[in-house]
C-alpha atoms as a PDB file:
ATOM      1  CA  UNK A   1      -0.206  20.175  11.938  1.00  0.00           C
ATOM      2  CA  UNK A   2       2.263  17.929  10.131  1.00  0.00           C
ATOM      3  CA  UNK A   3       0.628  15.580   7.609  1.00  0.00           C
ATOM      4  CA  UNK A   4       2.298  12.623   5.976  1.00  0.00           C
ATOM      5  CA  UNK A   5       0.928  11.080   2.816  1.00  0.00           C
ATOM      6  CA  UNK A   6       1.618   7.425   2.092  1.00  0.00           C
ATOM      7  CA  UNK A   7       1.060   5.509  -1.118  1.00  0.00           C
ATOM      8  CA  UNK A   8       0.456   1.883  -0.160  1.00  0.00           C
ATOM      9  CA  UNK A   9       0.947  -0.769  -2.828  1.00  0.00           C
ATOM     10  CA  UNK A  10      -0.281  -4.370  -2.840  1.00  0.00           C
ATOM     11  CA  UNK A  11       1.766  -5.510  -5.843  1.00  0.00           C
ATOM     12  CA  UNK A  12       0.477  -7.753  -8.571  1.00  0.00           C
ATOM     13  CA  UNK A  13       0.808  -7.987 -12.318  1.00  0.00           C
ATOM     14  CA  UNK A  14      -2.865  -8.627 -13.103  1.00  0.00           C
ATOM     15  CA  UNK A  15      -4.337  -6.685 -10.155  1.00  0.00           C
ATOM     16  CA  UNK A  16      -2.185  -4.184  -8.273  1.00  0.00           C
ATOM     17  CA  UNK A  17      -3.869  -2.466  -5.349  1.00  0.00           C
ATOM     18  CA  UNK A  18      -3.022   1.084  -4.373  1.00  0.00           C
ATOM     19  CA  UNK A  19      -4.167   3.454  -1.637  1.00  0.00           C
ATOM     20  CA  UNK A  20      -3.268   7.021  -0.765  1.00  0.00           C
ATOM     21  CA  UNK A  21      -3.639   7.632   2.971  1.00  0.00           C
ATOM     22  CA  UNK A  22      -2.972  10.854   4.886  1.00  0.00           C
ATOM     23  CA  UNK A  23      -1.906  10.676   8.512  1.00  0.00           C
ATOM     24  CA  UNK A  24      -2.004  13.478  11.057  1.00  0.00           C
ATOM     25  CA  UNK A  25      -1.812  11.353  14.194  1.00  0.00           C
ATOM     26  CA  UNK A  26      -2.400   7.836  15.466  1.00  0.00           C
ATOM     27  CA  UNK A  27      -6.166   8.057  15.144  1.00  0.00           C
ATOM     28  CA  UNK A  28      -6.345  10.834  12.556  1.00  0.00           C
ATOM     29  CA  UNK A  29      -5.983   9.101   9.214  1.00  0.00           C
ATOM     30  CA  UNK A  30      -8.038   9.393   6.062  1.00  0.00           C
ATOM     31  CA  UNK A  31      -8.234   7.682   2.721  1.00  0.00           C
ATOM     32  CA  UNK A  32      -7.581  10.050  -0.159  1.00  0.00           C
ATOM     33  CA  UNK A  33      -7.862   7.510  -2.967  1.00  0.00           C
ATOM     34  CA  UNK A  34      -7.778   3.771  -3.467  1.00  0.00           C
ATOM     35  CA  UNK A  35      -8.234   1.371  -6.297  1.00  0.00           C
ATOM     36  CA  UNK A  36      -6.723  -1.305  -8.465  1.00  0.00           C
ATOM     37  CA  UNK A  37      -4.506  -1.093 -11.518  1.00  0.00           C
ATOM     38  CA  UNK A  38      -5.409  -3.917 -13.886  1.00  0.00           C
ATOM     39  CA  UNK A  39      -3.495  -5.391 -16.787  1.00  0.00           C
ATOM     40  CA  UNK A  40      -4.760  -7.939 -19.258  1.00  0.00           C
ATOM     41  CA  UNK A  41      -3.316 -11.442 -19.154  1.00  0.00           C
ATOM     42  CA  UNK A  42      -3.514 -11.473 -22.954  1.00  0.00           C
ATOM     43  CA  UNK A  43      -1.045  -8.568 -23.270  1.00  0.00           C
ATOM     44  CA  UNK A  44       2.702  -9.229 -23.540  1.00  0.00           C
ATOM     45  CA  UNK A  45       4.633  -9.043 -20.264  1.00  0.00           C
ATOM     46  CA  UNK A  46       6.578  -5.938 -21.315  1.00  0.00           C
ATOM     47  CA  UNK A  47       3.354  -4.070 -22.126  1.00  0.00           C
ATOM     48  CA  UNK A  48       1.840  -5.031 -18.788  1.00  0.00           C
ATOM     49  CA  UNK A  49       4.920  -3.825 -16.927  1.00  0.00           C
ATOM     50  CA  UNK A  50       4.918  -0.597 -18.939  1.00  0.00           C
ATOM     51  CA  UNK A  51       1.275  -0.025 -17.937  1.00  0.00           C
ATOM     52  CA  UNK A  52       2.142  -0.521 -14.263  1.00  0.00           C
ATOM     53  CA  UNK A  53       5.123   1.835 -14.528  1.00  0.00           C
ATOM     54  CA  UNK A  54       2.995   4.521 -16.163  1.00  0.00           C
ATOM     55  CA  UNK A  55       0.322   4.163 -13.471  1.00  0.00           C
ATOM     56  CA  UNK A  56       2.849   4.260 -10.604  1.00  0.00           C
ATOM     57  CA  UNK A  57       4.457   7.370 -12.096  1.00  0.00           C
ATOM     58  CA  UNK A  58       1.045   9.029 -12.467  1.00  0.00           C
ATOM     59  CA  UNK A  59      -0.012   8.192  -8.898  1.00  0.00           C
ATOM     60  CA  UNK A  60       3.229   9.581  -7.477  1.00  0.00           C
ATOM     61  CA  UNK A  61       3.011  12.743  -9.606  1.00  0.00           C
ATOM     62  CA  UNK A  62      -0.666  13.364  -8.810  1.00  0.00           C
ATOM     63  CA  UNK A  63      -0.657  12.658  -5.066  1.00  0.00           C
ATOM     64  CA  UNK A  64       2.971  13.512  -4.143  1.00  0.00           C
ATOM     65  CA  UNK A  65       3.357  10.995  -1.308  1.00  0.00           C
ATOM     66  CA  UNK A  66       6.070  11.411   1.309  1.00  0.00           C
ATOM     67  CA  UNK A  67       6.494   7.645   1.413  1.00  0.00           C
ATOM     68  CA  UNK A  68       5.679   4.609  -0.670  1.00  0.00           C
ATOM     69  CA  UNK A  69       5.054   1.413   1.291  1.00  0.00           C
ATOM     70  CA  UNK A  70       4.966  -1.857  -0.621  1.00  0.00           C
ATOM     71  CA  UNK A  71       3.871  -5.265   0.615  1.00  0.00           C
ATOM     72  CA  UNK A  72       6.897  -7.497   0.340  1.00  0.00           C
ATOM     73  CA  UNK A  73       6.766 -10.644  -1.744  1.00  0.00           C
ATOM     74  CA  UNK A  74       7.291 -13.031   1.132  1.00  0.00           C
ATOM     75  CA  UNK A  75       6.109 -16.426  -0.056  1.00  0.00           C
ATOM     76  CA  UNK A  76       4.135 -17.751  -2.974  1.00  0.00           C
ATOM     77  CA  UNK A  77       3.354 -21.387  -3.736  1.00  0.00           C
ATOM     78  CA  UNK A  78       3.126 -20.632  -7.470  1.00  0.00           C
ATOM     79  CA  UNK A  79       6.537 -19.590  -8.829  1.00  0.00           C
ATOM     80  CA  UNK A  80       4.999 -17.785 -11.822  1.00  0.00           C
ATOM     81  CA  UNK A  81       2.791 -15.707  -9.513  1.00  0.00           C
ATOM     82  CA  UNK A  82       5.770 -14.935  -7.262  1.00  0.00           C
ATOM     83  CA  UNK A  83       7.818 -13.734 -10.239  1.00  0.00           C
ATOM     84  CA  UNK A  84       5.002 -11.510 -11.543  1.00  0.00           C
ATOM     85  CA  UNK A  85       4.399 -10.061  -8.083  1.00  0.00           C
ATOM     86  CA  UNK A  86       8.131  -9.447  -7.686  1.00  0.00           C
ATOM     87  CA  UNK A  87       8.295  -7.628 -11.016  1.00  0.00           C
ATOM     88  CA  UNK A  88       5.370  -5.378 -10.060  1.00  0.00           C
ATOM     89  CA  UNK A  89       6.916  -4.749  -6.653  1.00  0.00           C
ATOM     90  CA  UNK A  90      10.281  -3.847  -8.187  1.00  0.00           C
ATOM     91  CA  UNK A  91       8.651  -1.301 -10.478  1.00  0.00           C
ATOM     92  CA  UNK A  92       6.852   0.344  -7.560  1.00  0.00           C
ATOM     93  CA  UNK A  93      10.052   0.485  -5.503  1.00  0.00           C
ATOM     94  CA  UNK A  94      12.095   1.913  -8.386  1.00  0.00           C
ATOM     95  CA  UNK A  95       9.544   4.561  -9.378  1.00  0.00           C
ATOM     96  CA  UNK A  96       9.203   5.692  -5.759  1.00  0.00           C
ATOM     97  CA  UNK A  97      12.980   5.942  -5.363  1.00  0.00           C
ATOM     98  CA  UNK A  98      13.316   7.895  -8.625  1.00  0.00           C
ATOM     99  CA  UNK A  99      10.658  10.326  -7.358  1.00  0.00           C
ATOM    100  CA  UNK A 100      12.607  10.842  -4.132  1.00  0.00           C
ATOM    101  CA  UNK A 101      10.030   9.227  -1.853  1.00  0.00           C
ATOM    102  CA  UNK A 102      10.894   7.298   1.258  1.00  0.00           C
ATOM    103  CA  UNK A 103      10.552   3.647   0.205  1.00  0.00           C
ATOM    104  CA  UNK A 104       9.850   0.747   2.548  1.00  0.00           C
ATOM    105  CA  UNK A 105       8.552  -2.802   2.383  1.00  0.00           C
ATOM    106  CA  UNK A 106       6.462  -4.665   4.938  1.00  0.00           C
ATOM    107  CA  UNK A 107       5.817  -8.384   5.109  1.00  0.00           C
ATOM    108  CA  UNK A 108       2.213  -9.606   5.033  1.00  0.00           C
ATOM    109  CA  UNK A 109       2.518 -10.616   8.711  1.00  0.00           C
ATOM    110  CA  UNK A 110       3.756  -7.140   9.687  1.00  0.00           C
ATOM    111  CA  UNK A 111       0.774  -5.604   7.891  1.00  0.00           C
ATOM    112  CA  UNK A 112      -1.759  -7.944   9.519  1.00  0.00           C
ATOM    113  CA  UNK A 113      -0.206  -7.400  12.951  1.00  0.00           C
ATOM    114  CA  UNK A 114      -0.108  -3.591  12.625  1.00  0.00           C
ATOM    115  CA  UNK A 115      -3.657  -3.272  11.294  1.00  0.00           C
ATOM    116  CA  UNK A 116      -5.551  -6.160  12.918  1.00  0.00           C
ATOM    117  CA  UNK A 117      -3.381  -6.920  15.945  1.00  0.00           C
ATOM    118  CA  UNK A 118      -2.452 -10.423  14.775  1.00  0.00           C
ATOM    119  CA  UNK A 119      -0.047 -11.641  12.100  1.00  0.00           C
ATOM    120  CA  UNK A 120      -2.482 -14.480  11.474  1.00  0.00           C
ATOM    121  CA  UNK A 121      -5.492 -12.268  10.730  1.00  0.00           C
ATOM    122  CA  UNK A 122      -7.616 -13.204   7.745  1.00  0.00           C
ATOM    123  CA  UNK A 123      -8.349 -11.003   4.724  1.00  0.00           C
ATOM    124  CA  UNK A 124     -11.843 -10.078   5.908  1.00  0.00           C
ATOM    125  CA  UNK A 125     -10.561  -9.122   9.359  1.00  0.00           C
ATOM    126  CA  UNK A 126      -7.939  -6.858   7.761  1.00  0.00           C
ATOM    127  CA  UNK A 127     -10.592  -5.298   5.494  1.00  0.00           C
ATOM    128  CA  UNK A 128     -12.858  -4.620   8.506  1.00  0.00           C
ATOM    129  CA  UNK A 129     -10.003  -2.988  10.414  1.00  0.00           C
ATOM    130  CA  UNK A 130      -9.101  -0.843   7.392  1.00  0.00           C
ATOM    131  CA  UNK A 131     -12.765   0.200   7.207  1.00  0.00           C
ATOM    132  CA  UNK A 132     -12.769   1.062  10.911  1.00  0.00           C
ATOM    133  CA  UNK A 133      -9.417   2.872  10.978  1.00  0.00           C
ATOM    134  CA  UNK A 134     -10.238   4.932   7.877  1.00  0.00           C
ATOM    135  CA  UNK A 135     -13.833   5.546   9.001  1.00  0.00           C
ATOM    136  CA  UNK A 136     -15.247   4.223   5.730  1.00  0.00           C
ATOM    137  CA  UNK A 137     -19.000   3.674   5.343  1.00  0.00           C
ATOM    138  CA  UNK A 138     -18.464   0.276   3.708  1.00  0.00           C
ATOM    139  CA  UNK A 139     -15.759  -2.342   3.684  1.00  0.00           C
ATOM    140  CA  UNK A 140     -13.163  -1.355   1.072  1.00  0.00           C
ATOM    141  CA  UNK A 141     -13.289  -3.445  -2.088  1.00  0.00           C
ATOM    142  CA  UNK A 142     -11.716  -4.988  -3.993  1.00  0.00           C
ATOM    143  CA  UNK A 143      -9.462  -6.762  -1.533  1.00  0.00           C
ATOM    144  CA  UNK A 144      -6.333  -5.571  -3.369  1.00  0.00           C
ATOM    145  CA  UNK A 145      -7.235  -1.926  -2.637  1.00  0.00           C
ATOM    146  CA  UNK A 146      -7.991  -2.751   1.009  1.00  0.00           C
ATOM    147  CA  UNK A 147      -4.645  -4.553   1.289  1.00  0.00           C
ATOM    148  CA  UNK A 148      -2.861  -1.509  -0.137  1.00  0.00           C
ATOM    149  CA  UNK A 149      -4.609   0.711   2.435  1.00  0.00           C
ATOM    150  CA  UNK A 150      -3.484  -1.716   5.154  1.00  0.00           C
ATOM    151  CA  UNK A 151       0.117  -1.383   3.938  1.00  0.00           C
ATOM    152  CA  UNK A 152      -0.160   2.429   4.073  1.00  0.00           C
ATOM    153  CA  UNK A 153      -1.664   2.266   7.580  1.00  0.00           C
ATOM    154  CA  UNK A 154       1.167  -0.040   8.638  1.00  0.00           C
ATOM    155  CA  UNK A 155       3.705   2.527   7.542  1.00  0.00           C
ATOM    156  CA  UNK A 156       1.903   5.281   9.415  1.00  0.00           C
ATOM    157  CA  UNK A 157       2.003   3.210  12.598  1.00  0.00           C
ATOM    158  CA  UNK A 158       5.492   1.665  12.335  1.00  0.00           C
ATOM    159  CA  UNK A 159       7.696   4.259  10.670  1.00  0.00           C
ATOM    160  CA  UNK A 160       9.704   7.036  12.303  1.00  0.00           C
ATOM    161  CA  UNK A 161       7.163   9.404  10.683  1.00  0.00           C
ATOM    162  CA  UNK A 162       4.402   7.491  12.446  1.00  0.00           C
ATOM    163  CA  UNK A 163       6.218   7.870  15.759  1.00  0.00           C
ATOM    164  CA  UNK A 164       6.601  11.614  15.052  1.00  0.00           C
ATOM    165  CA  UNK A 165       2.866  11.879  14.353  1.00  0.00           C
ATOM    166  CA  UNK A 166       2.008  10.035  17.587  1.00  0.00           C
ATOM    167  CA  UNK A 167       4.292  12.349  19.587  1.00  0.00           C
ATOM    168  CA  UNK A 168       2.847  15.471  17.935  1.00  0.00           C
ATOM    169  CA  UNK A 169      -0.712  14.318  18.648  1.00  0.00           C
ATOM    170  CA  UNK A 170       0.078  13.725  22.331  1.00  0.00           C
ATOM    171  CA  UNK A 171       1.341  17.283  22.853  1.00  0.00           C
END
């Protein structure tokens, strides 16, 4: 059966969540790996970005995803946070494109709607739905990793690949 592997990214400069999720059908998904890439606020910006780039490159090389789905920087009250998140997001998008992966972005509301059924869902509700959909024994933590898994699940449900998987499963 056709399997698609998605690397979901919840971008951030200090804490960047990632999740590798395999999909075989609408209800046949599994978490392969998830975690958080951390950089120190005391390090220079260029060093922090270099760390993220190295980690993104390593994740893509190790897990060979078909697609990389990144949560889009949609709105931030703090301009500094928005800039840092945008820089992290840009690195993820560029590294995925260089590796030849399908690259897509989803807004936070698209992710919440796809995973929890409501664009207004709270963080805990999204984490619980990620736990349920991935059949995890405990709620995924930290929240950045759970958010990255939610982005990957969104891609599996909304993308043309996701539609292909749903059609294949119904046959």
